[in-house]
N, C-alpha and C. Protein backbone atom coordinates (compact mmCIF):
# COMPACT_ATOMS: atom_id res chain seq x y z
N MET A 1 272.72 124.15 -62.73
CA MET A 1 273.21 122.76 -62.68
C MET A 1 272.43 122.01 -61.58
N GLN A 2 272.21 120.72 -61.86
CA GLN A 2 271.60 119.91 -60.88
C GLN A 2 272.60 118.95 -60.22
N PHE A 3 272.45 118.69 -58.93
CA PHE A 3 273.31 117.92 -58.11
C PHE A 3 272.59 116.88 -57.30
N LEU A 4 273.09 115.61 -57.22
CA LEU A 4 272.65 114.60 -56.33
C LEU A 4 273.39 114.73 -54.95
N VAL A 5 272.60 114.92 -54.00
CA VAL A 5 273.14 115.02 -52.59
C VAL A 5 272.59 113.85 -51.89
N SER A 6 273.59 112.86 -51.63
CA SER A 6 273.17 111.51 -51.02
C SER A 6 273.44 111.62 -49.53
N VAL A 7 272.49 111.03 -48.86
CA VAL A 7 272.60 110.93 -47.37
C VAL A 7 273.20 109.56 -47.00
N ILE A 8 274.25 109.43 -46.31
CA ILE A 8 274.91 108.30 -46.00
C ILE A 8 274.74 107.94 -44.52
N ASP A 9 274.06 106.84 -44.19
CA ASP A 9 273.79 106.41 -42.81
C ASP A 9 274.77 105.32 -42.51
N ASP A 10 275.21 105.26 -41.23
CA ASP A 10 276.14 104.27 -40.75
C ASP A 10 275.45 103.29 -39.82
N GLY A 11 274.14 103.26 -39.82
CA GLY A 11 273.42 102.32 -39.02
C GLY A 11 273.22 102.73 -37.69
N THR A 12 273.36 104.05 -37.36
CA THR A 12 273.18 104.54 -35.99
C THR A 12 271.75 104.60 -35.53
N GLY A 13 270.83 104.27 -36.36
CA GLY A 13 269.43 104.30 -35.95
C GLY A 13 268.63 105.26 -36.77
N PRO A 14 267.31 105.20 -36.60
CA PRO A 14 266.47 106.09 -37.36
C PRO A 14 266.60 107.59 -36.92
N GLU A 15 266.19 108.46 -37.81
CA GLU A 15 266.37 109.83 -37.51
C GLU A 15 265.46 110.21 -36.30
N THR A 16 265.91 111.16 -35.62
CA THR A 16 265.15 111.66 -34.46
C THR A 16 264.15 112.74 -34.89
N GLN A 17 263.16 113.09 -34.05
CA GLN A 17 262.24 114.11 -34.33
C GLN A 17 262.98 115.48 -34.61
N VAL A 18 264.02 115.70 -33.86
CA VAL A 18 264.83 116.94 -34.05
C VAL A 18 265.45 116.95 -35.43
N GLU A 19 266.00 115.81 -35.85
CA GLU A 19 266.56 115.68 -37.19
C GLU A 19 265.47 115.89 -38.29
N GLN A 20 264.40 115.23 -38.04
CA GLN A 20 263.24 115.35 -39.04
C GLN A 20 262.82 116.82 -39.16
N ASP A 21 262.69 117.49 -38.04
CA ASP A 21 262.26 118.91 -38.12
C ASP A 21 263.27 119.73 -38.81
N ALA A 22 264.58 119.48 -38.59
CA ALA A 22 265.76 120.18 -39.19
C ALA A 22 265.70 119.97 -40.71
N VAL A 23 265.41 118.71 -41.09
CA VAL A 23 265.34 118.37 -42.58
C VAL A 23 264.16 119.10 -43.21
N ASP A 24 263.05 119.07 -42.53
CA ASP A 24 261.79 119.86 -43.00
C ASP A 24 262.17 121.25 -43.25
N ALA A 25 262.78 121.86 -42.25
CA ALA A 25 263.16 123.32 -42.35
C ALA A 25 264.24 123.55 -43.53
N PHE A 26 265.17 122.68 -43.69
CA PHE A 26 266.06 122.76 -44.74
C PHE A 26 265.39 122.64 -46.14
N ASN A 27 264.46 121.64 -46.20
CA ASN A 27 263.70 121.53 -47.42
C ASN A 27 262.86 122.82 -47.76
N GLU A 28 262.28 123.40 -46.80
CA GLU A 28 261.55 124.65 -47.00
C GLU A 28 262.45 125.72 -47.51
N LYS A 29 263.67 125.77 -46.96
CA LYS A 29 264.68 126.82 -47.36
C LYS A 29 265.07 126.61 -48.80
N LEU A 30 265.26 125.31 -49.21
CA LEU A 30 265.62 124.97 -50.62
C LEU A 30 264.48 125.44 -51.56
N LYS A 31 263.24 125.12 -51.13
CA LYS A 31 262.08 125.45 -51.96
C LYS A 31 262.01 127.01 -52.14
N ALA A 32 262.09 127.76 -51.07
CA ALA A 32 261.98 129.17 -51.08
C ALA A 32 263.06 129.78 -51.95
N ALA A 33 264.32 129.22 -51.97
CA ALA A 33 265.39 129.65 -52.77
C ALA A 33 265.37 129.24 -54.21
N GLY A 34 264.36 128.35 -54.57
CA GLY A 34 264.33 127.83 -55.94
C GLY A 34 265.34 126.83 -56.22
N ARG A 35 265.90 126.09 -55.12
CA ARG A 35 266.92 125.12 -55.33
C ARG A 35 266.38 123.68 -55.22
N TRP A 36 265.12 123.55 -54.81
CA TRP A 36 264.59 122.21 -54.64
C TRP A 36 264.14 121.64 -55.97
N VAL A 37 264.54 120.40 -56.20
CA VAL A 37 264.00 119.67 -57.39
C VAL A 37 263.20 118.42 -56.82
N PHE A 38 263.84 117.61 -55.99
CA PHE A 38 263.16 116.36 -55.53
C PHE A 38 264.01 115.86 -54.36
N ALA A 39 263.35 115.14 -53.49
CA ALA A 39 264.06 114.48 -52.38
C ALA A 39 263.30 113.28 -51.91
N GLY A 40 263.99 112.34 -51.28
CA GLY A 40 263.29 111.15 -50.82
C GLY A 40 264.19 110.37 -49.86
N GLY A 41 263.57 109.68 -48.97
CA GLY A 41 264.23 108.79 -48.04
C GLY A 41 264.15 107.39 -48.57
N LEU A 42 265.10 106.59 -48.20
CA LEU A 42 265.13 105.18 -48.59
C LEU A 42 264.96 104.24 -47.37
N GLY A 43 264.36 103.10 -47.56
CA GLY A 43 264.20 102.16 -46.51
C GLY A 43 265.50 101.47 -46.16
N ASP A 44 265.51 100.72 -45.10
CA ASP A 44 266.61 99.93 -44.68
C ASP A 44 267.09 98.96 -45.81
N PRO A 45 268.34 98.84 -46.06
CA PRO A 45 268.86 98.06 -47.13
C PRO A 45 268.72 96.59 -47.02
N SER A 46 268.28 96.05 -45.82
CA SER A 46 268.25 94.59 -45.67
C SER A 46 267.33 93.84 -46.68
N PRO A 47 266.19 94.40 -47.08
CA PRO A 47 265.41 93.59 -48.15
C PRO A 47 265.92 93.79 -49.53
N ALA A 48 266.88 94.52 -49.80
CA ALA A 48 267.45 94.94 -51.11
C ALA A 48 267.90 93.63 -51.81
N ARG A 49 267.81 93.68 -53.14
CA ARG A 49 268.33 92.64 -54.01
C ARG A 49 269.16 93.36 -55.08
N THR A 50 270.25 92.73 -55.41
CA THR A 50 271.07 93.24 -56.56
C THR A 50 270.93 92.30 -57.69
N ILE A 51 270.47 92.89 -58.84
CA ILE A 51 270.11 92.08 -60.00
C ILE A 51 271.16 92.39 -61.16
N ASP A 52 271.72 91.37 -61.70
CA ASP A 52 272.62 91.55 -62.84
C ASP A 52 272.05 90.64 -63.98
N ASP A 53 271.43 91.25 -64.86
CA ASP A 53 270.79 90.49 -65.98
C ASP A 53 271.54 90.83 -67.31
N ARG A 54 272.75 91.34 -67.22
CA ARG A 54 273.51 91.57 -68.46
C ARG A 54 273.64 90.30 -69.21
N ALA A 55 273.42 90.38 -70.51
CA ALA A 55 273.55 89.17 -71.41
C ALA A 55 272.71 88.00 -70.87
N GLY A 56 271.53 88.31 -70.20
CA GLY A 56 270.64 87.31 -69.75
C GLY A 56 271.20 86.33 -68.63
N ARG A 57 272.13 86.91 -67.83
CA ARG A 57 272.72 86.08 -66.73
C ARG A 57 271.74 85.72 -65.68
N GLY A 58 270.74 86.63 -65.42
CA GLY A 58 269.74 86.30 -64.41
C GLY A 58 270.31 86.15 -62.98
N LEU A 59 271.36 86.84 -62.66
CA LEU A 59 272.00 86.71 -61.36
C LEU A 59 271.25 87.63 -60.37
N VAL A 60 270.75 87.13 -59.26
CA VAL A 60 270.10 87.92 -58.22
C VAL A 60 270.74 87.58 -56.91
N THR A 61 271.24 88.64 -56.25
CA THR A 61 271.92 88.39 -54.99
C THR A 61 271.20 89.15 -53.90
N ASP A 62 271.09 88.59 -52.69
CA ASP A 62 270.48 89.21 -51.56
C ASP A 62 271.33 90.38 -51.16
N GLY A 63 270.65 91.51 -50.78
CA GLY A 63 271.39 92.60 -50.18
C GLY A 63 271.83 93.64 -51.17
N PRO A 64 272.29 94.76 -50.66
CA PRO A 64 272.80 95.85 -51.53
C PRO A 64 274.10 95.35 -52.28
N PHE A 65 274.51 96.09 -53.31
CA PHE A 65 275.56 95.65 -54.10
C PHE A 65 276.97 95.77 -53.43
N VAL A 66 277.07 96.54 -52.37
CA VAL A 66 278.25 96.68 -51.65
C VAL A 66 277.97 96.21 -50.17
N GLU A 67 278.81 95.35 -49.62
CA GLU A 67 278.70 95.06 -48.17
C GLU A 67 279.41 96.04 -47.39
N SER A 68 278.66 96.84 -46.66
CA SER A 68 279.30 97.91 -45.93
C SER A 68 278.41 98.31 -44.69
N LYS A 69 279.02 98.86 -43.70
CA LYS A 69 278.20 99.37 -42.60
C LYS A 69 277.41 100.57 -43.01
N GLU A 70 277.93 101.30 -43.95
CA GLU A 70 277.28 102.54 -44.44
C GLU A 70 276.35 102.22 -45.67
N TYR A 71 275.30 102.95 -45.73
CA TYR A 71 274.35 102.75 -46.83
C TYR A 71 273.63 104.04 -47.20
N LEU A 72 273.16 104.08 -48.42
CA LEU A 72 272.40 105.31 -48.87
C LEU A 72 271.02 105.27 -48.17
N ALA A 73 270.80 106.36 -47.43
CA ALA A 73 269.56 106.48 -46.69
C ALA A 73 268.53 107.38 -47.29
N GLY A 74 268.97 108.23 -48.20
CA GLY A 74 268.13 109.18 -48.79
C GLY A 74 268.90 110.10 -49.74
N PHE A 75 268.18 111.05 -50.29
CA PHE A 75 268.90 111.94 -51.30
C PHE A 75 268.04 113.22 -51.49
N TRP A 76 268.72 114.18 -52.06
CA TRP A 76 268.12 115.41 -52.57
C TRP A 76 268.65 115.47 -54.02
N ILE A 77 267.76 116.06 -54.91
CA ILE A 77 268.18 116.60 -56.20
C ILE A 77 268.02 118.10 -56.00
N MET A 78 269.19 118.87 -56.22
CA MET A 78 269.10 120.26 -55.91
C MET A 78 269.68 120.96 -57.15
N GLU A 79 269.21 122.23 -57.27
CA GLU A 79 269.76 123.16 -58.28
C GLU A 79 270.87 123.97 -57.52
N ALA A 80 271.97 124.14 -58.14
CA ALA A 80 272.99 125.11 -57.58
C ALA A 80 273.68 125.68 -58.77
N ASP A 81 274.23 126.88 -58.61
CA ASP A 81 274.95 127.65 -59.69
C ASP A 81 276.25 126.97 -60.01
N ASP A 82 276.89 126.43 -59.08
CA ASP A 82 278.21 125.74 -59.27
C ASP A 82 278.56 124.70 -58.21
N LEU A 83 279.70 124.13 -58.26
CA LEU A 83 280.08 123.13 -57.27
C LEU A 83 280.17 123.79 -55.85
N ASP A 84 280.80 124.94 -55.83
CA ASP A 84 280.96 125.58 -54.46
C ASP A 84 279.58 125.75 -53.78
N GLU A 85 278.60 126.24 -54.46
CA GLU A 85 277.26 126.37 -53.91
C GLU A 85 276.66 125.04 -53.53
N ALA A 86 276.82 124.01 -54.37
CA ALA A 86 276.38 122.68 -54.08
C ALA A 86 277.05 122.05 -52.81
N PHE A 87 278.29 122.35 -52.70
CA PHE A 87 279.09 121.86 -51.49
C PHE A 87 278.52 122.56 -50.22
N ALA A 88 278.27 123.87 -50.37
CA ALA A 88 277.73 124.65 -49.23
C ALA A 88 276.38 124.11 -48.82
N LEU A 89 275.52 123.79 -49.84
CA LEU A 89 274.21 123.27 -49.54
C LEU A 89 274.31 121.89 -48.97
N GLY A 90 275.31 121.11 -49.45
CA GLY A 90 275.58 119.79 -48.83
C GLY A 90 275.96 119.86 -47.44
N ALA A 91 276.77 120.79 -47.02
CA ALA A 91 277.16 121.02 -45.65
C ALA A 91 275.90 121.32 -44.72
N GLU A 92 275.06 122.19 -45.30
CA GLU A 92 273.82 122.47 -44.59
C GLU A 92 272.96 121.20 -44.41
N ALA A 93 272.87 120.43 -45.51
CA ALA A 93 272.07 119.16 -45.43
C ALA A 93 272.66 118.24 -44.45
N SER A 94 274.00 118.14 -44.34
CA SER A 94 274.68 117.26 -43.35
C SER A 94 274.28 117.64 -41.94
N ARG A 95 274.35 118.97 -41.66
CA ARG A 95 273.93 119.41 -40.34
C ARG A 95 272.50 119.17 -39.99
N ALA A 96 271.64 119.35 -41.05
CA ALA A 96 270.18 119.17 -40.82
C ALA A 96 269.88 117.68 -40.52
N CYS A 97 270.36 116.75 -41.27
CA CYS A 97 270.02 115.35 -41.09
C CYS A 97 270.96 114.57 -40.15
N ASN A 98 272.01 115.25 -39.75
CA ASN A 98 272.99 114.69 -38.84
C ASN A 98 273.65 113.36 -39.40
N ARG A 99 273.97 113.44 -40.72
CA ARG A 99 274.55 112.28 -41.38
C ARG A 99 275.63 112.82 -42.33
N LYS A 100 276.49 111.91 -42.83
CA LYS A 100 277.46 112.29 -43.85
C LYS A 100 276.66 112.48 -45.21
N ILE A 101 277.22 113.29 -46.04
CA ILE A 101 276.60 113.66 -47.32
C ILE A 101 277.66 113.49 -48.41
N GLU A 102 277.19 113.02 -49.57
CA GLU A 102 277.98 113.02 -50.75
C GLU A 102 277.28 113.89 -51.79
N VAL A 103 278.13 114.82 -52.42
CA VAL A 103 277.57 115.69 -53.46
C VAL A 103 278.19 115.41 -54.81
N ARG A 104 277.34 115.14 -55.79
CA ARG A 104 277.83 114.83 -57.20
C ARG A 104 276.98 115.55 -58.16
N PRO A 105 277.63 116.07 -59.21
CA PRO A 105 276.81 116.74 -60.24
C PRO A 105 276.22 115.70 -61.21
N PHE A 106 275.01 116.11 -61.74
CA PHE A 106 274.47 115.28 -62.84
C PHE A 106 275.22 115.63 -64.07
N LEU A 107 275.41 114.70 -64.99
CA LEU A 107 276.11 114.94 -66.15
C LEU A 107 275.12 115.47 -67.20
């Protein structure tokens, strides 16, 4: 099964070199275990635009779709045998990047 593991930042600042190194080590562990699919970091949400063109409405709003102190800062796509394993990997990811993590299965 594949899982989306989202990194949630609360605006405390960019990751430190220690956090970067821990994430790199975690990524290597995922790859070695055959659990790595894809990962990526996301830029600051300030230049984001929310676009709603349902039925040709053409509505464009500055900023992310939710006004919040927290925002999606990055993600992993991981392979895991079940939810328990995905949650355990999510806990490791949280420790590595020093951020909150959300784990959700792909349908």
